[in-house]
Structure formats: structure tokens, C-alpha cells
Amino acid sequence: MPSVPAASSALLPRPSTASPPSPEPRPARPGPEAPPLVPETPGPTVAEPAPPAPASTEKAVYQFTDEQGVVHVTDDLANVPERYRTQAKAR
């Protein structure tokens, strides 16, 4: 009768050595000596009003005289026809 080879340990199921999954760790509760979890931030602040704008921000007023001698006044240089822009005076 032929001999039967010995069972290989690789073919036999191994008992599980893994431990069951542990539960998620709980965050530590701060005690009297523990620092706060969120750093304290200053509360809302009241904004100070902006100072008045300097007088230099006032719009310029442009004056020019057309071909018929009519004086025109505007606060927008784009309203001055190009041919009169060189003579337009800012007041």
C-alpha cells in the first residue's frame, strides 16, 4: 500500500489571530486643567467711521467754447468733443 504523505500545514486552516476591531477612540473631555478645544477669539468689533474724503476728490468741471461761440460746461471729459479737449479748461 502506498504511503500517504503527511498533511501540509499550508493546506490546513489556521486559527485567526486577529483581534476584533476596537471601537473608535472617544475624544478626551477637557478637565479643569485642560486647555479649551477651540482657542478663544475676540468678539465682534465696532468699525470706526471713515474720515471725510479730502477736497481733492471733487470732480473737475470742464469748460470749452464751440465754433459758434457757445460756452459749454461739463463734469465729464468724455462729454467734451475731441477737437475741443485741448482747449477744455478744468475749473
PDB file of N, CA and C in Angstrom:
ATOM      1  N   MET A   1       0.817  -1.149   0.000  1.00  0.00           N
ATOM      2  CA  MET A   1       0.000   0.000   0.000  1.00  0.00           C
ATOM      3  C   MET A   1       0.883   1.241   0.000  1.00  0.00           C
ATOM      4  N   PRO A   2       0.490   2.223  -0.840  1.00  0.00           N
ATOM      5  CA  PRO A   2       1.340   3.403  -0.913  1.00  0.00           C
ATOM      6  C   PRO A   2       1.201   4.228   0.358  1.00  0.00           C
ATOM      7  N   SER A   3       2.251   4.887   0.662  1.00  0.00           N
ATOM      8  CA  SER A   3       2.201   5.703   1.876  1.00  0.00           C
ATOM      9  C   SER A   3       1.524   7.045   1.585  1.00  0.00           C
ATOM     10  N   VAL A   4       0.822   7.525   2.536  1.00  0.00           N
ATOM     11  CA  VAL A   4       0.104   8.808   2.405  1.00  0.00           C
ATOM     12  C   VAL A   4       1.016   9.896   2.952  1.00  0.00           C
ATOM     13  N   PRO A   5       1.230  10.900   2.141  1.00  0.00           N
ATOM     14  CA  PRO A   5       2.104  11.959   2.639  1.00  0.00           C
ATOM     15  C   PRO A   5       1.458  12.672   3.825  1.00  0.00           C
ATOM     16  N   ALA A   6       2.287  13.164   4.652  1.00  0.00           N
ATOM     17  CA  ALA A   6       1.799  13.893   5.821  1.00  0.00           C
ATOM     18  C   ALA A   6       1.117  15.181   5.368  1.00  0.00           C
ATOM     19  N   ALA A   7       0.078  15.581   6.065  1.00  0.00           N
ATOM     20  CA  ALA A   7      -0.669  16.793   5.707  1.00  0.00           C
ATOM     21  C   ALA A   7       0.218  18.018   5.903  1.00  0.00           C
ATOM     22  N   SER A   8       0.197  18.836   4.908  1.00  0.00           N
ATOM     23  CA  SER A   8       0.993  20.050   4.985  1.00  0.00           C
ATOM     24  C   SER A   8       0.239  21.074   5.822  1.00  0.00           C
ATOM     25  N   SER A   9       0.962  21.817   6.612  1.00  0.00           N
ATOM     26  CA  SER A   9       0.309  22.832   7.442  1.00  0.00           C
ATOM     27  C   SER A   9      -0.211  23.982   6.599  1.00  0.00           C
ATOM     28  N   ALA A  10       0.310  24.104   5.354  1.00  0.00           N
ATOM     29  CA  ALA A  10      -0.169  25.174   4.484  1.00  0.00           C
ATOM     30  C   ALA A  10      -1.572  24.885   3.994  1.00  0.00           C
ATOM     31  N   LEU A  11      -1.992  23.670   3.980  1.00  0.00           N
ATOM     32  CA  LEU A  11      -3.308  23.320   3.492  1.00  0.00           C
ATOM     33  C   LEU A  11      -4.369  23.379   4.586  1.00  0.00           C
ATOM     34  N   LEU A  12      -3.945  23.356   5.813  1.00  0.00           N
ATOM     35  CA  LEU A  12      -4.900  23.358   6.928  1.00  0.00           C
ATOM     36  C   LEU A  12      -5.265  24.809   7.287  1.00  0.00           C
ATOM     37  N   PRO A  13      -6.516  25.030   7.623  1.00  0.00           N
ATOM     38  CA  PRO A  13      -6.888  26.390   8.028  1.00  0.00           C
ATOM     39  C   PRO A  13      -6.231  26.757   9.349  1.00  0.00           C
ATOM     40  N   ARG A  14      -5.749  27.975   9.395  1.00  0.00           N
ATOM     41  CA  ARG A  14      -5.106  28.440  10.623  1.00  0.00           C
ATOM     42  C   ARG A  14      -6.137  29.165  11.477  1.00  0.00           C
ATOM     43  N   PRO A  15      -6.024  29.049  12.730  1.00  0.00           N
ATOM     44  CA  PRO A  15      -6.934  29.809  13.595  1.00  0.00           C
ATOM     45  C   PRO A  15      -6.615  31.298  13.477  1.00  0.00           C
ATOM     46  N   SER A  16      -7.641  32.111  13.523  1.00  0.00           N
ATOM     47  CA  SER A  16      -7.475  33.552  13.385  1.00  0.00           C
ATOM     48  C   SER A  16      -6.770  34.108  14.607  1.00  0.00           C
ATOM     49  N   THR A  17      -5.731  34.888  14.351  1.00  0.00           N
ATOM     50  CA  THR A  17      -5.007  35.523  15.462  1.00  0.00           C
ATOM     51  C   THR A  17      -5.350  36.997  15.566  1.00  0.00           C
ATOM     52  N   ALA A  18      -6.150  37.478  14.599  1.00  0.00           N
ATOM     53  CA  ALA A  18      -6.515  38.897  14.617  1.00  0.00           C
ATOM     54  C   ALA A  18      -7.555  39.143  15.700  1.00  0.00           C
ATOM     55  N   SER A  19      -7.376  40.238  16.401  1.00  0.00           N
ATOM     56  CA  SER A  19      -8.349  40.586  17.431  1.00  0.00           C
ATOM     57  C   SER A  19      -9.495  41.342  16.771  1.00  0.00           C
ATOM     58  N   PRO A  20     -10.664  41.322  17.364  1.00  0.00           N
ATOM     59  CA  PRO A  20     -11.795  42.056  16.781  1.00  0.00           C
ATOM     60  C   PRO A  20     -11.475  43.550  16.737  1.00  0.00           C
ATOM     61  N   PRO A  21     -12.057  44.273  15.768  1.00  0.00           N
ATOM     62  CA  PRO A  21     -11.742  45.706  15.670  1.00  0.00           C
ATOM     63  C   PRO A  21     -12.179  46.437  16.932  1.00  0.00           C
ATOM     64  N   SER A  22     -11.314  47.337  17.352  1.00  0.00           N
ATOM     65  CA  SER A  22     -11.642  48.101  18.555  1.00  0.00           C
ATOM     66  C   SER A  22     -12.530  49.282  18.169  1.00  0.00           C
ATOM     67  N   PRO A  23     -13.385  49.717  19.074  1.00  0.00           N
ATOM     68  CA  PRO A  23     -14.248  50.867  18.760  1.00  0.00           C
ATOM     69  C   PRO A  23     -13.401  52.127  18.585  1.00  0.00           C
ATOM     70  N   GLU A  24     -13.984  53.108  17.885  1.00  0.00           N
ATOM     71  CA  GLU A  24     -13.287  54.369  17.664  1.00  0.00           C
ATOM     72  C   GLU A  24     -12.977  55.013  19.010  1.00  0.00           C
ATOM     73  N   PRO A  25     -11.796  55.585  19.152  1.00  0.00           N
ATOM     74  CA  PRO A  25     -11.484  56.238  20.432  1.00  0.00           C
ATOM     75  C   PRO A  25     -12.344  57.484  20.614  1.00  0.00           C
ATOM     76  N   ARG A  26     -12.758  57.715  21.809  1.00  0.00           N
ATOM     77  CA  ARG A  26     -13.561  58.895  22.125  1.00  0.00           C
ATOM     78  C   ARG A  26     -12.635  60.070  22.373  1.00  0.00           C
ATOM     79  N   PRO A  27     -13.062  61.257  21.963  1.00  0.00           N
ATOM     80  CA  PRO A  27     -12.218  62.416  22.262  1.00  0.00           C
ATOM     81  C   PRO A  27     -12.205  62.668  23.760  1.00  0.00           C
ATOM     82  N   ALA A  28     -11.076  63.110  24.230  1.00  0.00           N
ATOM     83  CA  ALA A  28     -10.938  63.365  25.664  1.00  0.00           C
ATOM     84  C   ALA A  28     -11.785  64.570  26.045  1.00  0.00           C
ATOM     85  N   ARG A  29     -12.427  64.482  27.158  1.00  0.00           N
ATOM     86  CA  ARG A  29     -13.197  65.615  27.667  1.00  0.00           C
ATOM     87  C   ARG A  29     -12.252  66.524  28.432  1.00  0.00           C
ATOM     88  N   PRO A  30     -12.330  67.818  28.142  1.00  0.00           N
ATOM     89  CA  PRO A  30     -11.411  68.701  28.852  1.00  0.00           C
ATOM     90  C   PRO A  30     -11.781  68.795  30.324  1.00  0.00           C
ATOM     91  N   GLY A  31     -10.793  68.696  31.142  1.00  0.00           N
ATOM     92  CA  GLY A  31     -10.980  68.853  32.577  1.00  0.00           C
ATOM     93  C   GLY A  31     -10.642  70.280  32.961  1.00  0.00           C
ATOM     94  N   PRO A  32     -10.649  70.567  34.218  1.00  0.00           N
ATOM     95  CA  PRO A  32     -10.351  71.937  34.630  1.00  0.00           C
ATOM     96  C   PRO A  32      -8.938  72.367  34.227  1.00  0.00           C
ATOM     97  N   GLU A  33      -8.016  71.428  34.098  1.00  0.00           N
ATOM     98  CA  GLU A  33      -6.645  71.798  33.757  1.00  0.00           C
ATOM     99  C   GLU A  33      -6.384  71.734  32.245  1.00  0.00           C
ATOM    100  N   ALA A  34      -7.318  71.193  31.481  1.00  0.00           N
ATOM    101  CA  ALA A  34      -7.115  71.037  30.042  1.00  0.00           C
ATOM    102  C   ALA A  34      -7.421  72.353  29.321  1.00  0.00           C
ATOM    103  N   PRO A  35      -6.669  72.663  28.260  1.00  0.00           N
ATOM    104  CA  PRO A  35      -6.960  73.885  27.507  1.00  0.00           C
ATOM    105  C   PRO A  35      -8.256  73.719  26.715  1.00  0.00           C
ATOM    106  N   PRO A  36      -8.901  74.798  26.341  1.00  0.00           N
ATOM    107  CA  PRO A  36     -10.133  74.678  25.557  1.00  0.00           C
ATOM    108  C   PRO A  36      -9.833  74.061  24.191  1.00  0.00           C
ATOM    109  N   LEU A  37     -10.809  73.369  23.623  1.00  0.00           N
ATOM    110  CA  LEU A  37     -10.618  72.729  22.333  1.00  0.00           C
ATOM    111  C   LEU A  37     -10.505  73.753  21.210  1.00  0.00           C
ATOM    112  N   VAL A  38     -11.219  74.869  21.321  1.00  0.00           N
ATOM    113  CA  VAL A  38     -11.180  75.925  20.312  1.00  0.00           C
ATOM    114  C   VAL A  38     -10.601  77.163  20.982  1.00  0.00           C
ATOM    115  N   PRO A  39      -9.550  77.751  20.408  1.00  0.00           N
ATOM    116  CA  PRO A  39      -8.990  78.944  21.042  1.00  0.00           C
ATOM    117  C   PRO A  39     -10.001  80.075  21.056  1.00  0.00           C
ATOM    118  N   GLU A  40      -9.956  80.844  22.102  1.00  0.00           N
ATOM    119  CA  GLU A  40     -10.893  81.961  22.210  1.00  0.00           C
ATOM    120  C   GLU A  40     -10.514  83.052  21.217  1.00  0.00           C
ATOM    121  N   THR A  41     -11.515  83.611  20.583  1.00  0.00           N
ATOM    122  CA  THR A  41     -11.287  84.707  19.645  1.00  0.00           C
ATOM    123  C   THR A  41     -12.008  85.928  20.175  1.00  0.00           C
ATOM    124  N   PRO A  42     -11.498  87.103  19.866  1.00  0.00           N
ATOM    125  CA  PRO A  42     -12.194  88.299  20.349  1.00  0.00           C
ATOM    126  C   PRO A  42     -13.566  88.417  19.702  1.00  0.00           C
ATOM    127  N   GLY A  43     -14.463  89.022  20.399  1.00  0.00           N
ATOM    128  CA  GLY A  43     -15.825  89.192  19.900  1.00  0.00           C
ATOM    129  C   GLY A  43     -15.868  90.209  18.764  1.00  0.00           C
ATOM    130  N   PRO A  44     -17.051  90.472  18.246  1.00  0.00           N
ATOM    131  CA  PRO A  44     -17.161  91.428  17.140  1.00  0.00           C
ATOM    132  C   PRO A  44     -16.730  92.816  17.579  1.00  0.00           C
ATOM    133  N   THR A  45     -16.138  93.548  16.664  1.00  0.00           N
ATOM    134  CA  THR A  45     -15.699  94.909  16.959  1.00  0.00           C
ATOM    135  C   THR A  45     -16.557  95.886  16.174  1.00  0.00           C
ATOM    136  N   VAL A  46     -16.627  97.089  16.671  1.00  0.00           N
ATOM    137  CA  VAL A  46     -17.402  98.133  16.010  1.00  0.00           C
ATOM    138  C   VAL A  46     -16.440  98.921  15.130  1.00  0.00           C
ATOM    139  N   ALA A  47     -16.766  99.032  13.857  1.00  0.00           N
ATOM    140  CA  ALA A  47     -15.916  99.765  12.927  1.00  0.00           C
ATOM    141  C   ALA A  47     -16.063 101.263  13.153  1.00  0.00           C
ATOM    142  N   GLU A  48     -14.936 101.935  13.076  1.00  0.00           N
ATOM    143  CA  GLU A  48     -14.971 103.388  13.211  1.00  0.00           C
ATOM    144  C   GLU A  48     -15.373 103.993  11.878  1.00  0.00           C
ATOM    145  N   PRO A  49     -16.087 105.106  11.896  1.00  0.00           N
ATOM    146  CA  PRO A  49     -16.475 105.727  10.623  1.00  0.00           C
ATOM    147  C   PRO A  49     -15.242 106.223   9.882  1.00  0.00           C
ATOM    148  N   ALA A  50     -15.325 106.200   8.577  1.00  0.00           N
ATOM    149  CA  ALA A  50     -14.217 106.663   7.743  1.00  0.00           C
ATOM    150  C   ALA A  50     -14.120 108.181   7.841  1.00  0.00           C
ATOM    151  N   PRO A  51     -12.899 108.685   7.782  1.00  0.00           N
ATOM    152  CA  PRO A  51     -12.768 110.150   7.813  1.00  0.00           C
ATOM    153  C   PRO A  51     -13.327 110.751   6.529  1.00  0.00           C
ATOM    154  N   PRO A  52     -13.703 112.005   6.560  1.00  0.00           N
ATOM    155  CA  PRO A  52     -14.249 112.621   5.347  1.00  0.00           C
ATOM    156  C   PRO A  52     -13.197 112.621   4.229  1.00  0.00           C
ATOM    157  N   ALA A  53     -13.670 112.518   3.014  1.00  0.00           N
ATOM    158  CA  ALA A  53     -12.770 112.498   1.860  1.00  0.00           C
ATOM    159  C   ALA A  53     -12.121 113.861   1.687  1.00  0.00           C
ATOM    160  N   PRO A  54     -10.860 113.864   1.274  1.00  0.00           N
ATOM    161  CA  PRO A  54     -10.213 115.163   1.050  1.00  0.00           C
ATOM    162  C   PRO A  54     -10.848 115.904  -0.118  1.00  0.00           C
ATOM    163  N   ALA A  55     -10.682 117.202  -0.134  1.00  0.00           N
ATOM    164  CA  ALA A  55     -11.303 118.037  -1.162  1.00  0.00           C
ATOM    165  C   ALA A  55     -10.782 117.713  -2.555  1.00  0.00           C
ATOM    166  N   SER A  56      -9.614 117.070  -2.661  1.00  0.00           N
ATOM    167  CA  SER A  56      -9.028 116.793  -3.973  1.00  0.00           C
ATOM    168  C   SER A  56      -9.796 115.724  -4.738  1.00  0.00           C
ATOM    169  N   THR A  57     -10.733 115.026  -4.097  1.00  0.00           N
ATOM    170  CA  THR A  57     -11.506 114.008  -4.804  1.00  0.00           C
ATOM    171  C   THR A  57     -12.738 114.586  -5.491  1.00  0.00           C
ATOM    172  N   GLU A  58     -12.944 115.895  -5.373  1.00  0.00           N
ATOM    173  CA  GLU A  58     -14.085 116.511  -6.041  1.00  0.00           C
ATOM    174  C   GLU A  58     -13.877 116.416  -7.546  1.00  0.00           C
ATOM    175  N   LYS A  59     -14.964 116.252  -8.283  1.00  0.00           N
ATOM    176  CA  LYS A  59     -14.866 116.157  -9.743  1.00  0.00           C
ATOM    177  C   LYS A  59     -14.489 117.507 -10.341  1.00  0.00           C
ATOM    178  N   ALA A  60     -13.694 117.419 -11.362  1.00  0.00           N
ATOM    179  CA  ALA A  60     -13.333 118.633 -12.087  1.00  0.00           C
ATOM    180  C   ALA A  60     -14.503 119.039 -12.984  1.00  0.00           C
ATOM    181  N   VAL A  61     -14.587 120.307 -13.265  1.00  0.00           N
ATOM    182  CA  VAL A  61     -15.601 120.833 -14.173  1.00  0.00           C
ATOM    183  C   VAL A  61     -14.847 121.395 -15.376  1.00  0.00           C
ATOM    184  N   TYR A  62     -15.215 120.947 -16.562  1.00  0.00           N
ATOM    185  CA  TYR A  62     -14.535 121.366 -17.795  1.00  0.00           C
ATOM    186  C   TYR A  62     -15.388 122.386 -18.542  1.00  0.00           C
ATOM    187  N   GLN A  63     -14.701 123.383 -19.094  1.00  0.00           N
ATOM    188  CA  GLN A  63     -15.386 124.437 -19.842  1.00  0.00           C
ATOM    189  C   GLN A  63     -14.691 124.595 -21.191  1.00  0.00           C
ATOM    190  N   PHE A  64     -15.489 124.688 -22.251  1.00  0.00           N
ATOM    191  CA  PHE A  64     -14.940 124.953 -23.582  1.00  0.00           C
ATOM    192  C   PHE A  64     -15.953 125.759 -24.375  1.00  0.00           C
ATOM    193  N   THR A  65     -15.446 126.418 -25.414  1.00  0.00           N
ATOM    194  CA  THR A  65     -16.293 127.236 -26.290  1.00  0.00           C
ATOM    195  C   THR A  65     -16.287 126.608 -27.664  1.00  0.00           C
ATOM    196  N   ASP A  66     -17.464 126.376 -28.228  1.00  0.00           N
ATOM    197  CA  ASP A  66     -17.552 125.732 -29.550  1.00  0.00           C
ATOM    198  C   ASP A  66     -17.375 126.752 -30.675  1.00  0.00           C
ATOM    199  N   GLU A  67     -17.516 126.320 -31.942  1.00  0.00           N
ATOM    200  CA  GLU A  67     -17.285 127.169 -33.123  1.00  0.00           C
ATOM    201  C   GLU A  67     -18.243 128.353 -33.196  1.00  0.00           C
ATOM    202  N   GLN A  68     -19.445 128.214 -32.669  1.00  0.00           N
ATOM    203  CA  GLN A  68     -20.425 129.301 -32.706  1.00  0.00           C
ATOM    204  C   GLN A  68     -20.257 130.267 -31.534  1.00  0.00           C
ATOM    205  N   GLY A  69     -19.277 130.004 -30.650  1.00  0.00           N
ATOM    206  CA  GLY A  69     -19.042 130.884 -29.508  1.00  0.00           C
ATOM    207  C   GLY A  69     -19.849 130.517 -28.279  1.00  0.00           C
ATOM    208  N   VAL A  70     -20.519 129.349 -28.320  1.00  0.00           N
ATOM    209  CA  VAL A  70     -21.327 128.921 -27.170  1.00  0.00           C
ATOM    210  C   VAL A  70     -20.398 128.261 -26.142  1.00  0.00           C
ATOM    211  N   VAL A  71     -20.530 128.706 -24.901  1.00  0.00           N
ATOM    212  CA  VAL A  71     -19.718 128.139 -23.815  1.00  0.00           C
ATOM    213  C   VAL A  71     -20.434 126.911 -23.265  1.00  0.00           C
ATOM    214  N   HIS A  72     -19.693 125.810 -23.159  1.00  0.00           N
ATOM    215  CA  HIS A  72     -20.234 124.552 -22.615  1.00  0.00           C
ATOM    216  C   HIS A  72     -19.487 124.218 -21.331  1.00  0.00           C
ATOM    217  N   VAL A  73     -20.222 123.651 -20.365  1.00  0.00           N
ATOM    218  CA  VAL A  73     -19.634 123.248 -19.084  1.00  0.00           C
ATOM    219  C   VAL A  73     -20.092 121.825 -18.799  1.00  0.00           C
ATOM    220  N   THR A  74     -19.145 120.962 -18.411  1.00  0.00           N
ATOM    221  CA  THR A  74     -19.463 119.568 -18.068  1.00  0.00           C
ATOM    222  C   THR A  74     -18.510 119.074 -17.005  1.00  0.00           C
ATOM    223  N   ASP A  75     -18.947 118.027 -16.283  1.00  0.00           N
ATOM    224  CA  ASP A  75     -18.059 117.436 -15.275  1.00  0.00           C
ATOM    225  C   ASP A  75     -17.426 116.132 -15.765  1.00  0.00           C
ATOM    226  N   ASP A  76     -17.654 115.795 -17.033  1.00  0.00           N
ATOM    227  CA  ASP A  76     -17.121 114.558 -17.600  1.00  0.00           C
ATOM    228  C   ASP A  76     -16.359 114.896 -18.877  1.00  0.00           C
ATOM    229  N   LEU A  77     -15.054 114.662 -18.869  1.00  0.00           N
ATOM    230  CA  LEU A  77     -14.221 114.975 -20.022  1.00  0.00           C
ATOM    231  C   LEU A  77     -14.665 114.206 -21.261  1.00  0.00           C
ATOM    232  N   ALA A  78     -15.304 113.051 -21.073  1.00  0.00           N
ATOM    233  CA  ALA A  78     -15.798 112.274 -22.211  1.00  0.00           C
ATOM    234  C   ALA A  78     -16.911 113.014 -22.953  1.00  0.00           C
ATOM    235  N   ASN A  79     -17.559 113.981 -22.304  1.00  0.00           N
ATOM    236  CA  ASN A  79     -18.609 114.765 -22.950  1.00  0.00           C
ATOM    237  C   ASN A  79     -18.061 115.932 -23.775  1.00  0.00           C
ATOM    238  N   VAL A  80     -16.753 116.148 -23.681  1.00  0.00           N
ATOM    239  CA  VAL A  80     -16.130 117.211 -24.463  1.00  0.00           C
ATOM    240  C   VAL A  80     -15.709 116.609 -25.800  1.00  0.00           C
ATOM    241  N   PRO A  81     -16.185 117.148 -26.932  1.00  0.00           N
ATOM    242  CA  PRO A  81     -15.757 116.616 -28.223  1.00  0.00           C
ATOM    243  C   PRO A  81     -14.232 116.663 -28.342  1.00  0.00           C
ATOM    244  N   GLU A  82     -13.655 115.682 -29.010  1.00  0.00           N
ATOM    245  CA  GLU A  82     -12.193 115.565 -29.082  1.00  0.00           C
ATOM    246  C   GLU A  82     -11.530 116.835 -29.605  1.00  0.00           C
ATOM    247  N   ARG A  83     -12.140 117.503 -30.569  1.00  0.00           N
ATOM    248  CA  ARG A  83     -11.491 118.687 -31.145  1.00  0.00           C
ATOM    249  C   ARG A  83     -11.414 119.852 -30.152  1.00  0.00           C
ATOM    250  N   TYR A  84     -12.215 119.782 -29.068  1.00  0.00           N
ATOM    251  CA  TYR A  84     -12.194 120.849 -28.062  1.00  0.00           C
ATOM    252  C   TYR A  84     -11.465 120.438 -26.779  1.00  0.00           C
ATOM    253  N   ARG A  85     -11.000 119.217 -26.703  1.00  0.00           N
ATOM    254  CA  ARG A  85     -10.377 118.751 -25.447  1.00  0.00           C
ATOM    255  C   ARG A  85      -9.092 119.499 -25.121  1.00  0.00           C
ATOM    256  N   THR A  86      -8.350 119.931 -26.139  1.00  0.00           N
ATOM    257  CA  THR A  86      -7.110 120.652 -25.840  1.00  0.00           C
ATOM    258  C   THR A  86      -7.397 122.021 -25.240  1.00  0.00           C
ATOM    259  N   GLN A  87      -8.522 122.628 -25.576  1.00  0.00           N
ATOM    260  CA  GLN A  87      -8.858 123.944 -25.026  1.00  0.00           C
ATOM    261  C   GLN A  87      -9.727 123.839 -23.789  1.00  0.00           C
ATOM    262  N   ALA A  88     -10.251 122.634 -23.470  1.00  0.00           N
ATOM    263  CA  ALA A  88     -11.130 122.493 -22.302  1.00  0.00           C
ATOM    264  C   ALA A  88     -10.335 122.793 -21.038  1.00  0.00           C
ATOM    265  N   LYS A  89     -10.856 123.691 -20.237  1.00  0.00           N
ATOM    266  CA  LYS A  89     -10.190 124.088 -19.000  1.00  0.00           C
ATOM    267  C   LYS A  89     -10.893 123.446 -17.828  1.00  0.00           C
ATOM    268  N   ALA A  90     -10.113 122.845 -16.950  1.00  0.00           N
ATOM    269  CA  ALA A  90     -10.685 122.288 -15.723  1.00  0.00           C
ATOM    270  C   ALA A  90     -10.787 123.408 -14.715  1.00  0.00           C
ATOM    271  N   ARG A  91     -11.954 123.572 -14.124  1.00  0.00           N
ATOM    272  CA  ARG A  91     -12.148 124.606 -13.086  1.00  0.00           C
ATOM    273  C   ARG A  91     -12.396 123.954 -11.755  1.00  0.00           C
TER     274      ARG A  91
END
